[in-house]
Amino acid sequence: MSMDRLIEGIVKTQNPTVVGLDPKLSYIPEYLRQQAFAEHGETLEGAAAAFLAFNLGIIDAIYDVVPAVKPQAAYYEALGWPGVRALCETIAYARKKGMFVITDGKRNDIGSTMEAYAQAHLGTTVVAGSSYTPFGADCLTVNGYLGTDGITPLLPLCREGDKGIFVLVKTSNPSSGELQDKLIEGQPVYLHMGRNCERWGQEAMGKYGYSSVGAVVGATYPDQLMQLRKALPHTFFLVPGYGAQGGGARDVAGGFDERGLGAVINSSRGIICAWQKGGWKPEQYAQAAREEALRMQRDITSLLPKICL
């Protein structure tokens, strides 16, 4: 099961974190931008080439100390087809380096449309009798608020395709409570969604006690994170909100179990933009990312038991 591979990567690196690869041109050192523009012009192609070069440098710097990366699809889609190609090449390179890849797409639909999303991001597409892998990520974030109809098309890949999903449960944004905190039968909507994740994952259980149906639970709501950890013993958490969004190690500690497992904590800008603070030279952007990733690891694991299977 895919979540087993993520867990094994976390144990190997002793690092329960994931780096969000969410590039903007303003995050990329000038010399990389100019190299890309010199070859492709100041165009969408040039911007996409800068994104890819930046990502490859980050991956080269962190792959041995961080188990996973999480590219946010929207940043790449904003550049049209060149950006989508950069996303595809980023995923392939990270997986070649042995990293677990979570595509942050928050896809949300039903029936054949959701099947198409599943094919695109996690599965294969058949063309004239030959099977091709469009993107090839290990996991995809999805919006489950259409109910079971929006999740069922993904479950065969979770059960049989060594793939996984992270379902939005309690998100990190300030207005999440407008819906997610509303009570149904005396309990908040996010708790009902979390219990759906437990149910959806029953037939996709891994060998370490977690299913391939995970949940997105924000670090900005530590009480709810702790509540959900107790209520959802078989659901692995993807936890955004650390760092730039205000969450810290104490905020995320409640997402882990007694083995130091159960959650992977995301930081995006805090790591990929680390070179912009602390006196780093632009050419040291990847080294700065590595140092910040290691600082984050130390910060979080200082509050956890030794991570073990």
Foldseek 3Di string as FASTA:
>chain_A
DQVVLLLVLCQQLVFQAEAELQDDPVLADPVLLVVLCVVVNPALLSRLSSSLVLLLLQLVLPVNRDQAYEYELVSQCVSPPSSLVSQLVSQVSNVVSVHAYEYEDQAWDFDPVLLVVLQQDDRWDDDPRDTGHNRHHQEYEYECVVDPRNVVSNLVCLQPVNHAYAYEQAAQDPCSCVQQQDDDPHGGNSLVVLVVLLVSQPNAADPVQAGRYAYEHELNQQVVLLVSCVVRVRHAYEYECPDPNDGFLVSCLSQADQQRGRYHYYDYCQQQNQCVDDPHDSVCSSVSSNVSSVVRRCRNCVSHDRHDD
